[in-house]
N, C-alpha and C. Protein backbone atom coordinates (compact mmCIF):
# COMPACT_ATOMS: atom_id res chain seq x y z
N UNK A 1 0.71 -0.81 -0.22
CA UNK A 1 -0.19 0.18 -0.31
C UNK A 1 0.74 1.13 0.05
N UNK A 2 0.80 1.73 -0.93
CA UNK A 2 1.49 3.82 -0.64
C UNK A 2 1.37 4.70 -0.12
N UNK A 3 0.14 4.39 0.27
CA UNK A 3 -0.08 5.67 1.45
C UNK A 3 -0.70 5.20 1.94
N UNK A 4 -0.32 5.71 3.37
CA UNK A 4 -1.60 5.12 4.56
C UNK A 4 -2.09 6.32 5.29
N UNK A 5 -1.53 7.66 5.86
CA UNK A 5 -1.72 8.78 6.21
C UNK A 5 -1.12 9.78 5.35
N UNK A 6 -2.69 9.73 4.72
CA UNK A 6 -2.72 11.85 3.51
C UNK A 6 -2.40 12.89 4.48
N UNK A 7 -2.66 12.72 5.68
CA UNK A 7 -2.74 14.62 6.64
C UNK A 7 -3.27 14.24 7.86
N UNK A 8 -3.85 15.44 8.40
CA UNK A 8 -4.26 15.46 9.74
C UNK A 8 -5.64 15.37 9.35
N UNK A 9 -7.01 14.74 10.24
CA UNK A 9 -7.64 14.92 9.84
C UNK A 9 -8.71 16.07 11.09
N UNK A 10 -8.01 15.64 11.45
CA UNK A 10 -8.50 16.12 12.83
C UNK A 10 -8.35 16.18 14.09
N UNK A 11 -8.51 17.13 14.98
CA UNK A 11 -7.81 17.41 16.16
C UNK A 11 -9.25 17.58 17.42
N UNK A 12 -9.22 16.54 18.35
CA UNK A 12 -10.34 16.33 18.80
C UNK A 12 -10.26 16.28 20.78
N UNK A 13 -10.73 17.10 21.69
CA UNK A 13 -9.83 17.18 23.27
C UNK A 13 -10.92 17.33 23.77
N UNK A 14 -10.97 16.88 25.05
CA UNK A 14 -11.74 16.85 26.54
C UNK A 14 -11.45 18.38 26.78
N UNK A 15 -12.62 19.06 27.30
CA UNK A 15 -12.37 19.96 27.88
C UNK A 15 -14.26 20.24 28.67
N UNK A 16 -13.98 21.12 29.33
CA UNK A 16 -15.06 20.93 30.98
C UNK A 16 -16.38 21.47 30.32
N UNK A 17 -16.37 22.77 29.49
CA UNK A 17 -17.89 23.40 28.95
C UNK A 17 -17.24 23.86 27.76
N UNK A 18 -17.22 22.75 26.77
CA UNK A 18 -17.37 23.14 25.24
C UNK A 18 -18.00 24.11 24.88
N UNK A 19 -18.86 24.49 24.93
CA UNK A 19 -19.41 25.35 24.45
C UNK A 19 -19.26 26.93 24.48
N UNK A 20 -18.67 27.16 25.76
CA UNK A 20 -17.90 27.62 26.17
C UNK A 20 -15.90 27.90 25.55
N UNK A 21 -15.67 27.23 25.23
CA UNK A 21 -14.27 27.31 24.47
C UNK A 21 -14.10 27.10 22.77
N UNK A 22 -15.10 26.89 22.28
CA UNK A 22 -15.30 27.40 21.04
C UNK A 22 -16.15 28.75 21.19
N UNK A 23 -16.78 29.36 21.63
CA UNK A 23 -16.68 30.20 21.84
C UNK A 23 -15.42 31.52 22.21
N UNK A 24 -14.81 31.14 22.95
CA UNK A 24 -12.80 31.66 23.27
C UNK A 24 -12.39 31.58 21.69
N UNK A 25 -12.42 29.80 21.38
CA UNK A 25 -11.45 30.17 20.26
C UNK A 25 -12.37 31.23 19.09
N UNK A 26 -13.68 31.38 19.12
CA UNK A 26 -13.89 32.66 18.39
C UNK A 26 -14.02 33.42 17.97
N UNK A 27 -13.98 34.31 18.97
CA UNK A 27 -13.91 35.55 19.67
C UNK A 27 -12.66 35.31 19.61
N UNK A 28 -11.37 34.84 20.12
CA UNK A 28 -10.03 35.38 20.27
C UNK A 28 -9.41 34.76 19.17
N UNK A 29 -9.33 33.98 18.55
CA UNK A 29 -8.73 33.58 17.72
C UNK A 29 -8.69 33.20 16.07
N UNK A 30 -10.76 33.59 16.50
CA UNK A 30 -11.50 33.88 14.47
C UNK A 30 -11.92 33.02 13.98
N UNK A 31 -11.92 31.50 15.57
CA UNK A 31 -12.54 30.17 15.01
C UNK A 31 -13.82 30.15 13.79
N UNK A 32 -14.28 29.71 13.02
CA UNK A 32 -15.66 29.96 12.58
C UNK A 32 -16.21 28.69 13.19
N UNK A 33 -17.54 28.73 13.91
CA UNK A 33 -17.08 27.63 14.85
C UNK A 33 -18.80 27.38 14.78
N UNK A 34 -19.14 25.97 14.79
CA UNK A 34 -20.27 25.24 14.80
C UNK A 34 -20.67 24.32 16.03
N UNK A 35 -21.83 23.62 16.05
CA UNK A 35 -22.14 22.65 16.64
C UNK A 35 -20.74 21.60 16.95
N UNK A 36 -19.81 21.48 15.91
CA UNK A 36 -19.53 20.22 15.72
C UNK A 36 -17.67 21.43 16.04
N UNK A 37 -17.18 22.46 16.33
CA UNK A 37 -16.42 23.05 16.29
C UNK A 37 -15.99 23.72 15.74
N UNK A 38 -14.37 23.19 14.31
CA UNK A 38 -14.66 24.03 13.69
C UNK A 38 -13.77 23.34 12.36
N UNK A 39 -14.44 23.47 11.22
CA UNK A 39 -13.87 22.66 9.75
C UNK A 39 -12.58 24.10 9.37
N UNK A 40 -11.70 23.69 8.89
CA UNK A 40 -10.62 24.39 8.67
C UNK A 40 -10.14 23.78 7.08
N UNK A 41 -10.31 24.65 6.35
CA UNK A 41 -10.51 23.56 4.93
C UNK A 41 -9.04 24.28 3.90
N UNK A 42 -9.09 23.68 3.49
CA UNK A 42 -6.93 23.67 2.23
C UNK A 42 -6.66 22.71 1.07
N UNK A 43 -6.37 22.93 -0.12
CA UNK A 43 -5.68 22.34 -0.74
C UNK A 43 -4.29 20.80 -1.08
N UNK A 44 -4.95 19.99 -1.51
CA UNK A 44 -3.69 19.09 -1.04
C UNK A 44 -2.99 19.21 -2.91
N UNK A 45 -2.08 18.63 -3.15
CA UNK A 45 -0.81 18.98 -3.98
C UNK A 45 -1.64 18.84 -5.63
N UNK A 46 -2.60 18.66 -5.15
CA UNK A 46 -3.58 17.91 -6.72
C UNK A 46 -4.42 19.01 -6.50
N UNK A 47 -4.58 19.95 -5.80
CA UNK A 47 -6.13 21.30 -5.79
C UNK A 47 -7.06 20.45 -5.73
N UNK A 48 -7.45 19.81 -4.62
CA UNK A 48 -8.23 19.01 -4.48
C UNK A 48 -9.02 20.43 -3.02
N UNK A 49 -9.93 19.98 -2.60
CA UNK A 49 -10.52 20.71 -1.81
C UNK A 49 -10.64 19.41 -0.29
N UNK A 50 -9.85 19.66 0.78
CA UNK A 50 -9.24 19.09 1.70
C UNK A 50 -9.94 19.46 3.16
N UNK A 51 -9.86 18.85 4.14
CA UNK A 51 -10.74 19.14 5.39
C UNK A 51 -10.06 19.21 6.55
N UNK A 52 -9.79 19.51 8.16
CA UNK A 52 -9.41 18.89 9.02
C UNK A 52 -10.15 19.73 10.47
N UNK A 53 -10.77 19.18 11.08
CA UNK A 53 -12.19 19.26 11.94
C UNK A 53 -11.30 19.42 13.30
N UNK A 54 -11.50 20.66 13.39
CA UNK A 54 -11.04 21.16 15.59
C UNK A 54 -12.36 20.67 16.59
N UNK A 55 -12.34 20.07 16.94
CA UNK A 55 -13.37 19.44 17.96
C UNK A 55 -13.29 19.36 19.45
N UNK A 56 -14.03 20.70 20.33
CA UNK A 56 -13.56 19.96 21.59
C UNK A 56 -15.26 19.05 21.89
N UNK A 57 -14.37 18.41 22.53
CA UNK A 57 -15.72 16.94 23.19
C UNK A 57 -15.81 17.67 24.83
N UNK A 58 -16.91 17.22 26.13
CA UNK A 58 -17.62 17.10 26.35
C UNK A 58 -16.13 16.04 27.66
N UNK A 59 -16.12 16.91 28.80
CA UNK A 59 -15.36 15.64 29.93
C UNK A 59 -15.11 14.53 30.12
N UNK A 60 -16.67 14.18 30.19
CA UNK A 60 -17.54 12.81 30.63
C UNK A 60 -17.81 11.78 28.78
N UNK A 61 -16.67 12.41 27.28
CA UNK A 61 -16.86 11.78 26.50
C UNK A 61 -16.86 10.31 26.80
N UNK A 62 -17.39 9.43 26.39
CA UNK A 62 -16.57 8.15 26.63
C UNK A 62 -15.77 7.45 24.29
N UNK A 63 -16.42 8.61 23.73
CA UNK A 63 -15.81 8.70 22.62
C UNK A 63 -14.14 8.53 22.33
N UNK A 64 -13.67 8.05 23.33
CA UNK A 64 -12.00 8.33 23.51
C UNK A 64 -11.86 6.75 24.23
N UNK A 65 -12.77 6.20 24.21
CA UNK A 65 -12.04 4.73 24.58
C UNK A 65 -11.93 4.33 23.55
N UNK A 66 -11.46 2.89 24.11
CA UNK A 66 -10.74 2.13 25.52
C UNK A 66 -9.34 3.39 26.12
N UNK A 67 -8.79 4.37 25.40
CA UNK A 67 -7.70 5.53 25.43
C UNK A 67 -7.98 6.08 26.97
N UNK A 68 -7.38 6.18 27.66
CA UNK A 68 -7.70 7.31 28.79
C UNK A 68 -7.54 8.78 29.07
N UNK A 69 -6.83 9.14 27.16
CA UNK A 69 -5.99 10.58 27.78
C UNK A 69 -7.29 11.15 27.40
N UNK A 70 -7.35 12.85 27.07
CA UNK A 70 -7.61 13.61 26.84
C UNK A 70 -8.14 14.32 25.36
N UNK A 71 -7.37 13.63 24.44
CA UNK A 71 -7.31 13.61 23.15
C UNK A 71 -7.25 12.70 22.19
N UNK A 72 -8.17 12.95 21.06
CA UNK A 72 -7.36 11.54 20.36
C UNK A 72 -7.71 12.19 18.92
N UNK A 73 -6.57 12.02 17.74
CA UNK A 73 -6.45 12.55 16.74
C UNK A 73 -6.88 11.96 15.61
N UNK A 74 -7.41 12.76 14.57
CA UNK A 74 -7.66 11.97 13.57
C UNK A 74 -6.99 11.89 12.04
N UNK A 75 -6.76 10.89 12.04
CA UNK A 75 -5.87 10.82 10.29
C UNK A 75 -6.61 11.03 9.24
N UNK A 76 -6.24 11.11 8.00
CA UNK A 76 -7.38 10.92 7.00
C UNK A 76 -6.77 9.99 5.93
N UNK A 77 -6.88 8.62 5.53
CA UNK A 77 -6.47 7.79 5.28
C UNK A 77 -6.79 7.84 3.82
N UNK A 78 -6.36 6.93 2.90
CA UNK A 78 -6.80 6.27 1.54
C UNK A 78 -6.94 4.43 1.60
N UNK A 79 -8.71 4.87 1.33
CA UNK A 79 -8.67 3.36 1.56
C UNK A 79 -8.54 2.73 2.57
N UNK A 80 -9.23 2.60 3.12
CA UNK A 80 -9.17 2.69 4.79
C UNK A 80 -9.36 1.23 5.18
N UNK A 81 -10.26 0.53 4.45
CA UNK A 81 -10.83 -1.44 4.31
C UNK A 81 -9.40 -1.63 4.59
N UNK A 82 -8.52 -1.32 3.19
CA UNK A 82 -7.22 -2.16 2.49
C UNK A 82 -5.86 -1.85 4.34
N UNK A 83 -6.26 -0.46 4.39
CA UNK A 83 -5.28 -0.30 5.53
C UNK A 83 -5.77 -0.60 7.48
N UNK A 84 -6.39 -0.93 7.91
CA UNK A 84 -7.28 -2.16 8.52
C UNK A 84 -6.64 -3.08 8.76
N UNK A 85 -7.25 -3.31 7.24
CA UNK A 85 -6.81 -5.26 7.24
C UNK A 85 -5.03 -5.55 7.04
N UNK A 86 -3.93 -4.38 6.73
CA UNK A 86 -2.54 -4.75 6.45
C UNK A 86 -2.19 -4.31 8.37
N UNK A 87 -2.79 -3.04 9.35
CA UNK A 87 -2.81 -3.22 10.43
C UNK A 87 -2.84 -4.60 11.29
N UNK A 88 -4.10 -4.82 11.50
CA UNK A 88 -4.30 -6.30 12.24
C UNK A 88 -3.21 -7.30 11.36
N UNK A 89 -2.39 -7.17 10.31
CA UNK A 89 -1.69 -8.28 9.66
C UNK A 89 -0.37 -8.05 10.88
N UNK A 90 0.10 -6.47 11.17
CA UNK A 90 0.83 -5.74 11.82
C UNK A 90 1.10 -6.25 13.35
N UNK A 91 -0.43 -6.77 13.58
CA UNK A 91 -0.49 -7.10 14.89
C UNK A 91 -0.78 -5.84 15.89
N UNK A 92 -1.39 -4.78 15.51
CA UNK A 92 -1.49 -3.49 15.65
C UNK A 92 -3.57 -4.04 16.16
N UNK A 93 -3.88 -3.47 17.66
CA UNK A 93 -5.46 -3.59 18.31
C UNK A 93 -6.15 -2.48 17.15
N UNK A 94 -7.42 -3.08 16.49
CA UNK A 94 -8.57 -2.14 15.74
C UNK A 94 -9.65 -2.53 17.17
N UNK A 95 -10.30 -1.04 16.85
CA UNK A 95 -11.23 -1.23 17.92
C UNK A 95 -12.44 -1.31 17.33
N UNK A 96 -13.25 -2.08 17.44
CA UNK A 96 -14.89 -1.82 16.79
C UNK A 96 -14.34 -1.77 15.29
N UNK A 97 -15.62 -1.79 14.59
CA UNK A 97 -16.12 -2.26 13.11
C UNK A 97 -15.52 -0.51 12.27
N UNK A 98 -15.31 -1.21 10.73
CA UNK A 98 -14.99 0.00 10.66
C UNK A 98 -17.08 0.70 10.12
N UNK A 99 -17.17 2.11 9.98
CA UNK A 99 -18.81 2.73 9.97
C UNK A 99 -18.35 3.53 8.74
N UNK A 100 -19.51 3.99 7.98
CA UNK A 100 -19.51 4.93 6.65
C UNK A 100 -20.55 5.35 6.73
N UNK A 101 -19.91 6.31 6.47
CA UNK A 101 -20.85 7.24 6.05
C UNK A 101 -21.28 8.65 5.29
N UNK A 102 -21.99 9.52 4.75
CA UNK A 102 -21.85 10.17 3.55
C UNK A 102 -20.19 10.95 3.01
N UNK A 103 -19.32 11.32 4.91
CA UNK A 103 -18.67 12.15 4.72
C UNK A 103 -17.37 11.46 4.55
N UNK A 104 -17.69 9.63 4.81
CA UNK A 104 -16.65 9.21 4.81
C UNK A 104 -16.32 8.05 5.43
N UNK A 105 -15.38 7.02 5.23
CA UNK A 105 -15.46 5.90 6.08
C UNK A 105 -14.04 5.99 7.67
N UNK A 106 -14.90 6.14 8.54
CA UNK A 106 -13.66 5.37 9.96
C UNK A 106 -13.50 4.22 9.96
N UNK A 107 -12.56 4.24 11.01
CA UNK A 107 -11.90 3.25 11.89
C UNK A 107 -11.23 3.89 13.00
N UNK A 108 -11.01 3.04 13.71
CA UNK A 108 -10.57 3.08 14.87
C UNK A 108 -9.23 2.06 14.77
N UNK A 109 -8.17 2.49 16.04
CA UNK A 109 -7.07 1.64 16.43
C UNK A 109 -6.37 1.82 17.58
N UNK A 110 -5.49 1.80 18.11
CA UNK A 110 -4.42 2.25 19.41
C UNK A 110 -3.40 2.09 19.13
N UNK A 111 -2.47 2.99 19.09
CA UNK A 111 -1.30 2.72 19.09
C UNK A 111 -0.82 2.24 20.09
N UNK A 112 1.14 2.71 20.27
CA UNK A 112 1.98 2.04 21.09
C UNK A 112 1.66 2.19 22.79
N UNK A 113 1.14 3.56 22.51
CA UNK A 113 0.87 4.32 24.07
C UNK A 113 -0.82 3.87 24.51
N UNK A 114 -1.27 2.97 24.34
CA UNK A 114 -2.38 3.13 24.32
C UNK A 114 -3.49 4.24 23.76
N UNK A 115 -3.29 5.27 22.86
CA UNK A 115 -4.16 6.79 22.34
C UNK A 115 -5.34 5.72 21.08
N UNK A 116 -6.49 6.19 21.88
CA UNK A 116 -7.21 5.39 20.82
C UNK A 116 -6.70 6.52 19.39
N UNK A 117 -6.50 6.25 18.21
CA UNK A 117 -5.96 7.48 16.59
C UNK A 117 -7.53 6.75 15.57
N UNK A 118 -8.12 7.83 15.32
CA UNK A 118 -9.33 7.61 14.48
C UNK A 118 -8.55 7.97 12.99
N UNK A 119 -8.90 6.71 12.56
CA UNK A 119 -8.55 6.90 11.01
C UNK A 119 -9.95 7.27 9.58
N UNK A 120 -9.71 8.21 9.17
CA UNK A 120 -11.02 8.87 7.83
C UNK A 120 -10.43 8.70 6.72
N UNK A 121 -11.63 8.05 5.90
CA UNK A 121 -11.27 8.20 4.73
C UNK A 121 -12.06 8.94 4.03
N UNK A 122 -11.94 10.68 3.98
CA UNK A 122 -12.81 11.48 3.92
C UNK A 122 -14.00 11.22 2.55
N UNK A 123 -14.83 12.19 2.80
CA UNK A 123 -14.93 12.09 1.41
C UNK A 123 -15.63 14.05 1.75
N UNK A 124 -14.55 14.49 1.44
CA UNK A 124 -14.53 16.47 1.14
C UNK A 124 -15.78 16.98 0.73
N UNK A 125 -15.79 16.82 -0.03
CA UNK A 125 -17.54 16.99 -1.15
C UNK A 125 -18.69 17.18 -0.25
N UNK A 126 -18.85 16.53 0.47
CA UNK A 126 -19.94 16.23 1.34
C UNK A 126 -20.68 17.25 2.37
N UNK A 127 -19.23 17.98 2.82
CA UNK A 127 -19.15 19.34 3.56
C UNK A 127 -19.35 20.53 2.62
N UNK A 128 -19.28 20.59 1.25
CA UNK A 128 -19.43 21.83 0.69
C UNK A 128 -21.10 21.74 0.62
């Protein structure tokens, strides 16, 4: 498989008050926030529109489990199904089953420190 990770898809972190955090970043850093956080748009080398998501989560979210960390990275990937099979063969812990939505496919793994990592095969045009 030529490409595995092609970029950062998102940065997710826990906070006491996600709404206040989004408002602070909007006021002081100009983030264009919505219910999910902020989407940053950029172009890849081929000129395709791509996005990276910034999202604060509530302190009690279960979404990052089984990791105990207060953050989770999301990486953009190509051909998620094939990548998850390769990672399994390499002994990487895959968490749950791949999920598919109009905006992409998602899979989860644990790194060597037990951090949950979200892998995303995006459909960026779904956000436009």
